[in-house]
């Protein structure tokens, strides 16, 4: 289990059940059935994909509706089959634009409660605000778990320096690999015996680790302060790997990125990019910036809170590229920006961890 404390992030890992601090301490039973709904594409199922990739022991299978264009490569199960296999919570694994529960989904959610499942969601549209789901959960003795709910009265940021080291992944776009980058670095640092902690700032990261700040649900004046709270004083050689959100270049979600840059006071930035995209996520009229633009813009803003901040590497999401094409692209970016480049999920995070180690 992941045992944690809402005041500070103290926890230890086991494997049979996930304790998640949301308001009063609650329990999200594992393993999960991952609900993909009618996701229009693979990226829309990024919540489920993250759980499957980083907590595969919690993923019994997937359940999809007609028209779903996402596939995690897990077994497609009915609700009854998943329950028989031990799943006890159906997680809404879709992150649609606006974060709402569609009427088409509602029928499956109702059936899941009647089958005996708890429901877990990181959508802006809270399960607890759906009266029919609340009533049905009470009738069946089930629980509704909303992870996108702030649980702490966060302070306003003060910008004071903190001990310890912090690394933030920033992207040319949303869903470009920022969370995977931080998780991959943390995993390798732990394996090397280095001091590190992954700091979740979104619904997927919270569901994976059981702790964090649902940043985009925090009142704007307190967003930077919530990241200061999330990344407190620490040992001089300890690294906080902060989960990135949004993009400075995305007109819909740039605010959360600014809060991370100033509240996190990063010592190191990692540039994240998905090179096969034709436009910004959800904004077909906006093209993606280049990595050089991201480097200059993000570093300039980061130096406001930490004048010693440096860009130390590049993380490329090469999932949609063949291996040789991906390796060639990485080499080209290394030469162009004079920074180490890798796909940390596909080719390992060694280059990025080595670069961070050099900053200690």
Protein backbone atom coordinates (compact mmCIF):
# COMPACT_ATOMS: atom_id res chain seq x y z
CA UNK A 1 0.00 0.00 0.00
CA UNK A 2 1.04 3.60 -0.29
CA UNK A 3 0.62 5.11 3.17
CA UNK A 4 0.63 8.84 3.33
CA UNK A 5 0.20 11.92 5.37
CA UNK A 6 -1.75 14.95 4.11
CA UNK A 7 0.55 17.33 6.01
CA UNK A 8 3.77 16.11 4.40
CA UNK A 9 4.63 13.44 1.90
CA UNK A 10 5.65 10.46 4.02
CA UNK A 11 4.78 7.08 2.55
CA UNK A 12 5.96 3.53 1.96
CA UNK A 13 5.17 1.16 -0.85
CA UNK A 14 3.55 -2.27 -0.84
CA UNK A 15 1.28 -3.69 -3.52
CA UNK A 16 -2.20 -4.85 -2.61
CA UNK A 17 -4.18 -1.65 -2.01
CA UNK A 18 -3.71 2.05 -2.70
CA UNK A 19 -4.30 4.56 0.06
CA UNK A 20 -5.04 7.96 -1.42
CA UNK A 21 -5.30 11.11 0.70
CA UNK A 22 -8.21 13.13 -0.62
CA UNK A 23 -9.66 15.27 2.13
CA UNK A 24 -10.04 12.72 4.90
CA UNK A 25 -7.91 9.64 4.30
CA UNK A 26 -9.67 7.40 1.79
CA UNK A 27 -8.88 4.08 0.22
CA UNK A 28 -9.00 3.40 -3.50
CA UNK A 29 -9.10 -0.40 -3.78
CA UNK A 30 -6.83 -1.96 -6.35
CA UNK A 31 -6.45 -3.50 -8.84
CA UNK A 32 -8.17 -1.30 -11.39
CA UNK A 33 -10.34 -1.75 -14.46
CA UNK A 34 -9.33 1.07 -16.82
CA UNK A 35 -12.26 2.75 -18.55
CA UNK A 36 -11.36 4.19 -21.97
CA UNK A 37 -14.89 5.20 -22.90
CA UNK A 38 -15.17 6.48 -26.46
CA UNK A 39 -11.71 8.08 -26.52
CA UNK A 40 -11.14 9.55 -30.00
CA UNK A 41 -7.41 8.77 -30.02
CA UNK A 42 -4.63 7.18 -27.98
CA UNK A 43 -3.56 10.43 -26.37
CA UNK A 44 -7.03 10.97 -24.93
CA UNK A 45 -6.49 7.87 -22.78
CA UNK A 46 -3.29 9.22 -21.23
CA UNK A 47 -4.53 8.69 -17.66
CA UNK A 48 -5.11 4.99 -18.25
CA UNK A 49 -1.90 4.73 -20.27
CA UNK A 50 0.11 6.22 -17.41
CA UNK A 51 -1.32 3.76 -14.89
CA UNK A 52 -0.71 0.83 -17.24
CA UNK A 53 2.89 1.89 -17.91
CA UNK A 54 3.92 2.78 -14.35
CA UNK A 55 1.64 0.62 -12.18
CA UNK A 56 0.96 -2.43 -14.38
CA UNK A 57 0.30 -4.54 -11.29
CA UNK A 58 -2.82 -2.44 -10.68
CA UNK A 59 -4.23 -2.80 -14.23
CA UNK A 60 -6.45 -5.90 -14.63
CA UNK A 61 -7.78 -4.88 -18.02
CA UNK A 62 -9.55 -2.24 -20.07
CA UNK A 63 -13.17 -1.56 -20.95
CA UNK A 64 -14.06 0.34 -24.11
CA UNK A 65 -17.21 1.69 -25.68
CA UNK A 66 -18.14 1.55 -29.38
CA UNK A 67 -16.12 4.11 -31.33
CA UNK A 68 -13.15 4.05 -28.97
CA UNK A 69 -9.90 4.59 -30.87
CA UNK A 70 -7.56 3.99 -27.92
CA UNK A 71 -6.07 0.64 -26.96
CA UNK A 72 -3.66 0.00 -24.08
CA UNK A 73 -2.90 -3.52 -25.24
CA UNK A 74 -4.65 -4.90 -22.16
CA UNK A 75 -7.38 -7.51 -22.21
CA UNK A 76 -10.82 -6.12 -23.10
CA UNK A 77 -13.14 -7.15 -20.29
CA UNK A 78 -16.77 -6.80 -19.40
CA UNK A 79 -17.57 -5.43 -15.97
CA UNK A 80 -18.45 -8.90 -14.74
CA UNK A 81 -15.23 -10.45 -16.10
CA UNK A 82 -13.10 -7.71 -14.52
CA UNK A 83 -14.82 -8.14 -11.16
CA UNK A 84 -14.22 -11.89 -11.30
CA UNK A 85 -10.52 -11.18 -11.98
CA UNK A 86 -10.32 -9.09 -8.80
CA UNK A 87 -10.74 -5.51 -10.03
CA UNK A 88 -12.52 -3.40 -7.44
CA UNK A 89 -12.27 0.14 -8.83
CA UNK A 90 -13.09 1.35 -12.32
CA UNK A 91 -10.85 4.30 -13.11
CA UNK A 92 -11.97 6.81 -15.70
CA UNK A 93 -8.81 6.76 -17.77
CA UNK A 94 -9.85 9.36 -20.33
CA UNK A 95 -8.77 13.01 -20.18
CA UNK A 96 -11.14 14.78 -22.53
CA UNK A 97 -11.04 18.51 -23.26
CA UNK A 98 -12.89 20.21 -20.41
CA UNK A 99 -12.79 17.11 -18.20
CA UNK A 100 -16.51 16.29 -18.25
CA UNK A 101 -18.56 13.12 -17.78
CA UNK A 102 -20.56 12.51 -20.95
CA UNK A 103 -24.04 11.05 -20.92
CA UNK A 104 -22.74 8.15 -23.00
CA UNK A 105 -20.27 7.30 -20.23
CA UNK A 106 -22.89 7.62 -17.51
CA UNK A 107 -24.61 4.35 -18.43
CA UNK A 108 -21.34 2.42 -17.99
CA UNK A 109 -20.57 4.18 -14.70
CA UNK A 110 -24.01 3.27 -13.37
CA UNK A 111 -23.60 -0.34 -14.43
CA UNK A 112 -20.16 -0.44 -12.77
CA UNK A 113 -21.60 0.72 -9.43
CA UNK A 114 -24.33 -1.92 -9.71
CA UNK A 115 -21.69 -4.57 -10.42
CA UNK A 116 -19.82 -3.70 -7.22
CA UNK A 117 -17.09 -1.32 -8.34
CA UNK A 118 -15.91 1.88 -6.73
CA UNK A 119 -15.36 4.69 -9.24
CA UNK A 120 -12.24 6.87 -9.42
CA UNK A 121 -11.83 9.95 -11.57
CA UNK A 122 -9.49 12.87 -12.10
CA UNK A 123 -11.91 14.88 -14.23
CA UNK A 124 -12.90 18.47 -13.49
CA UNK A 125 -16.49 17.20 -13.56
CA UNK A 126 -16.53 15.59 -10.11
CA UNK A 127 -18.23 12.27 -9.49
CA UNK A 128 -19.60 13.64 -6.21
CA UNK A 129 -21.48 16.33 -8.14
CA UNK A 130 -23.46 13.74 -10.12
CA UNK A 131 -26.51 13.13 -7.93
CA UNK A 132 -27.53 9.87 -9.59
CA UNK A 133 -24.04 8.41 -9.09
CA UNK A 134 -23.94 9.57 -5.46
CA UNK A 135 -27.30 8.00 -4.69
CA UNK A 136 -26.43 4.76 -6.45
CA UNK A 137 -23.05 4.53 -4.69
CA UNK A 138 -24.79 4.92 -1.33
CA UNK A 139 -27.36 2.27 -2.22
CA UNK A 140 -24.64 -0.21 -3.23
CA UNK A 141 -22.20 0.63 -0.45
CA UNK A 142 -19.62 1.83 -2.97
CA UNK A 143 -17.33 4.90 -2.94
CA UNK A 144 -16.68 7.70 -5.41
CA UNK A 145 -13.07 8.88 -5.48
CA UNK A 146 -12.34 12.32 -6.97
CA UNK A 147 -8.57 12.87 -7.13
CA UNK A 148 -8.72 16.36 -8.67
CA UNK A 149 -9.70 18.00 -5.40
CA UNK A 150 -7.24 20.19 -3.44
CA UNK A 151 -6.97 18.99 0.15
CA UNK A 152 -4.72 21.61 1.71
CA UNK A 153 -5.09 25.36 2.30
CA UNK A 154 -2.03 26.25 0.24
CA UNK A 155 -0.09 29.44 0.94
CA UNK A 156 0.61 32.24 -1.50
CA UNK A 157 4.10 31.78 -2.91
CA UNK A 158 6.85 33.78 -1.21
CA UNK A 159 9.72 32.98 -3.59
CA UNK A 160 12.18 32.22 -0.80
CA UNK A 161 15.03 29.85 -1.61
CA UNK A 162 14.73 26.29 -0.31
CA UNK A 163 17.41 23.70 0.33
CA UNK A 164 17.60 20.68 -1.93
CA UNK A 165 17.51 20.43 -5.72
CA UNK A 166 14.53 20.60 -8.07
CA UNK A 167 14.07 19.60 -11.70
CA UNK A 168 11.09 20.54 -13.87
CA UNK A 169 10.19 19.19 -17.29
CA UNK A 170 8.71 21.84 -19.61
CA UNK A 171 7.14 21.12 -22.99
CA UNK A 172 6.47 22.59 -26.38
CA UNK A 173 2.91 21.30 -25.93
CA UNK A 174 0.59 19.48 -23.54
CA UNK A 175 0.94 15.69 -23.23
CA UNK A 176 4.45 15.73 -24.66
CA UNK A 177 6.09 13.39 -22.14
CA UNK A 178 6.76 15.63 -19.12
CA UNK A 179 5.36 13.20 -16.53
CA UNK A 180 7.06 10.17 -18.10
CA UNK A 181 10.35 12.09 -18.09
CA UNK A 182 10.15 12.86 -14.37
CA UNK A 183 9.05 9.32 -13.49
CA UNK A 184 11.82 7.75 -15.57
CA UNK A 185 14.47 9.97 -13.98
CA UNK A 186 13.17 9.25 -10.48
CA UNK A 187 13.15 5.50 -11.13
CA UNK A 188 16.75 5.52 -12.36
CA UNK A 189 17.92 7.76 -9.54
CA UNK A 190 16.37 5.38 -7.02
CA UNK A 191 18.08 2.44 -8.73
CA UNK A 192 21.43 4.26 -8.50
CA UNK A 193 20.94 4.97 -4.82
CA UNK A 194 20.50 8.71 -5.34
CA UNK A 195 18.07 10.78 -3.31
CA UNK A 196 14.97 11.72 -5.29
CA UNK A 197 11.19 12.06 -5.13
CA UNK A 198 8.67 12.28 -7.95
CA UNK A 199 6.26 15.13 -7.19
CA UNK A 200 2.89 14.63 -8.88
CA UNK A 201 0.94 17.70 -9.98
CA UNK A 202 -1.90 16.14 -12.01
CA UNK A 203 -4.52 13.44 -11.92
CA UNK A 204 -2.44 10.72 -13.57
CA UNK A 205 0.60 11.29 -11.40
CA UNK A 206 -1.57 11.26 -8.28
CA UNK A 207 -3.23 7.99 -9.30
CA UNK A 208 0.18 6.46 -10.00
CA UNK A 209 1.92 7.56 -6.80
CA UNK A 210 -0.95 8.25 -4.38
CA UNK A 211 0.16 11.77 -3.52
CA UNK A 212 0.54 15.23 -4.98
CA UNK A 213 -1.14 18.52 -5.84
CA UNK A 214 -4.00 18.65 -8.42
CA UNK A 215 -2.54 21.90 -9.70
CA UNK A 216 -5.15 22.86 -12.28
CA UNK A 217 -7.85 22.67 -9.61
CA UNK A 218 -6.04 25.05 -7.23
CA UNK A 219 -7.25 28.68 -7.10
CA UNK A 220 -4.94 30.74 -9.31
CA UNK A 221 -3.47 32.92 -6.55
CA UNK A 222 -2.31 29.82 -4.67
CA UNK A 223 -0.95 27.69 -7.55
CA UNK A 224 2.69 28.71 -7.18
CA UNK A 225 2.38 28.41 -3.40
CA UNK A 226 1.06 24.87 -3.72
CA UNK A 227 4.24 23.89 -5.59
CA UNK A 228 6.40 25.51 -2.92
CA UNK A 229 4.45 23.40 -0.42
CA UNK A 230 4.90 20.26 -2.53
CA UNK A 231 8.69 20.73 -2.79
CA UNK A 232 9.83 21.80 0.70
CA UNK A 233 13.34 22.12 2.15
CA UNK A 234 15.34 18.93 1.71
CA UNK A 235 18.85 17.48 1.84
CA UNK A 236 21.32 19.38 -0.36
CA UNK A 237 21.79 16.35 -2.65
CA UNK A 238 18.08 15.42 -2.86
CA UNK A 239 16.26 15.95 -6.16
CA UNK A 240 12.55 16.68 -6.46
CA UNK A 241 11.39 15.62 -9.94
CA UNK A 242 8.39 17.87 -10.52
CA UNK A 243 5.70 16.66 -12.91
CA UNK A 244 5.26 19.28 -15.63
CA UNK A 245 1.89 20.53 -16.84
CA UNK A 246 0.66 22.43 -19.89
CA UNK A 247 3.02 24.56 -21.96
CA UNK A 248 4.07 28.20 -21.93
CA UNK A 249 3.08 28.23 -25.60
CA UNK A 250 -0.39 26.70 -25.13
CA UNK A 251 -2.96 29.49 -24.86
CA UNK A 252 -5.35 27.25 -22.91
CA UNK A 253 -3.00 25.93 -20.23
CA UNK A 254 0.03 28.21 -19.91
CA UNK A 255 -1.00 29.35 -16.41
CA UNK A 256 -0.20 26.04 -14.72
CA UNK A 257 3.23 26.00 -16.37
CA UNK A 258 4.06 29.44 -14.99
CA UNK A 259 3.02 28.31 -11.49
CA UNK A 260 5.38 25.35 -11.74
CA UNK A 261 8.27 27.46 -13.01
CA UNK A 262 8.01 30.07 -10.27
CA UNK A 263 6.70 27.91 -7.42
CA UNK A 264 9.11 25.08 -8.19
CA UNK A 265 12.16 27.36 -8.45
CA UNK A 266 13.85 24.65 -10.52
CA UNK A 267 17.62 24.28 -10.53
CA UNK A 268 17.29 22.32 -13.78
CA UNK A 269 14.91 22.36 -16.73
CA UNK A 270 14.40 19.53 -19.22
CA UNK A 271 12.88 20.36 -22.61
CA UNK A 272 10.13 17.96 -23.78
CA UNK A 273 8.86 17.64 -27.34
CA UNK A 274 6.77 15.33 -29.52
CA UNK A 275 8.11 15.92 -33.05
CA UNK A 276 5.39 14.24 -35.12
CA UNK A 277 2.59 16.64 -34.16
CA UNK A 278 1.18 19.01 -36.74
CA UNK A 279 -0.30 21.51 -34.26
CA UNK A 280 -0.82 22.23 -30.56
CA UNK A 281 -3.02 19.72 -28.72
CA UNK A 282 -6.64 20.80 -29.21
CA UNK A 283 -5.63 23.97 -31.09
CA UNK A 284 -5.36 23.19 -34.81
CA UNK A 285 -4.72 26.84 -35.67
CA UNK A 286 -1.56 26.97 -33.51
CA UNK A 287 1.71 25.39 -34.60
CA UNK A 288 4.27 24.04 -32.12
CA UNK A 289 7.27 26.16 -31.12
CA UNK A 290 10.78 24.87 -31.64
CA UNK A 291 12.96 23.57 -28.83
CA UNK A 292 15.21 26.65 -29.10
CA UNK A 293 12.21 28.91 -28.46
CA UNK A 294 11.18 26.75 -25.51
CA UNK A 295 14.74 26.82 -24.14
CA UNK A 296 15.00 30.61 -24.28
CA UNK A 297 11.50 31.38 -23.00
CA UNK A 298 11.38 28.87 -20.15
CA UNK A 299 14.90 29.61 -18.94
CA UNK A 300 14.30 33.36 -18.94
CA UNK A 301 11.19 32.95 -16.78
CA UNK A 302 12.79 30.35 -14.50
CA UNK A 303 15.67 32.71 -13.73
CA UNK A 304 13.17 35.13 -12.17
CA UNK A 305 12.79 32.73 -9.21
CA UNK A 306 16.15 30.97 -9.46
CA UNK A 307 18.94 32.88 -11.24
CA UNK A 308 21.10 29.75 -11.23
CA UNK A 309 18.63 27.60 -13.18
CA UNK A 310 20.05 25.74 -16.18
CA UNK A 311 18.62 23.73 -19.06
CA UNK A 312 20.35 20.35 -18.76
CA UNK A 313 18.79 18.12 -21.40
CA UNK A 314 16.12 17.22 -23.93
CA UNK A 315 13.42 14.56 -23.66
CA UNK A 316 11.80 13.52 -26.93
CA UNK A 317 8.64 11.45 -27.09
CA UNK A 318 9.51 9.16 -30.03
CA UNK A 319 6.57 6.79 -29.63
CA UNK A 320 5.32 7.53 -33.17
CA UNK A 321 8.75 7.16 -34.77
CA UNK A 322 10.62 4.07 -35.94
CA UNK A 323 13.73 3.26 -33.91
CA UNK A 324 16.35 4.41 -36.42
CA UNK A 325 14.37 7.56 -37.21
CA UNK A 326 14.09 8.28 -33.49
CA UNK A 327 17.82 7.82 -32.85
CA UNK A 328 18.71 10.03 -35.81
CA UNK A 329 16.36 12.74 -34.58
CA UNK A 330 17.85 12.63 -31.08
CA UNK A 331 21.36 13.06 -32.48
CA UNK A 332 20.25 16.02 -34.57
CA UNK A 333 18.77 17.76 -31.53
CA UNK A 334 21.90 17.12 -29.48
CA UNK A 335 24.01 18.79 -32.14
CA UNK A 336 21.61 21.69 -32.65
CA UNK A 337 21.18 22.62 -28.98
CA UNK A 338 24.41 21.17 -27.56
CA UNK A 339 22.43 19.27 -24.91
CA UNK A 340 22.04 15.54 -24.19
CA UNK A 341 18.85 14.16 -25.76
CA UNK A 342 16.97 10.91 -25.22
CA UNK A 343 13.56 9.32 -25.05
CA UNK A 344 13.81 8.30 -21.37
CA UNK A 345 10.93 5.82 -21.55
CA UNK A 346 12.17 4.11 -24.70
CA UNK A 347 15.97 4.44 -24.50
CA UNK A 348 16.58 5.12 -20.81
CA UNK A 349 17.10 8.25 -18.71
CA UNK A 350 20.87 7.83 -18.13
CA UNK A 351 21.87 10.94 -20.07
CA UNK A 352 19.48 13.12 -18.10
CA UNK A 353 20.40 11.64 -14.71
CA UNK A 354 24.10 12.07 -15.52
CA UNK A 355 23.45 15.73 -16.35
CA UNK A 356 21.59 16.28 -13.08
CA UNK A 357 24.33 14.52 -11.13
CA UNK A 358 26.84 16.99 -12.55
CA UNK A 359 24.82 19.83 -10.97
CA UNK A 360 25.14 18.43 -7.43
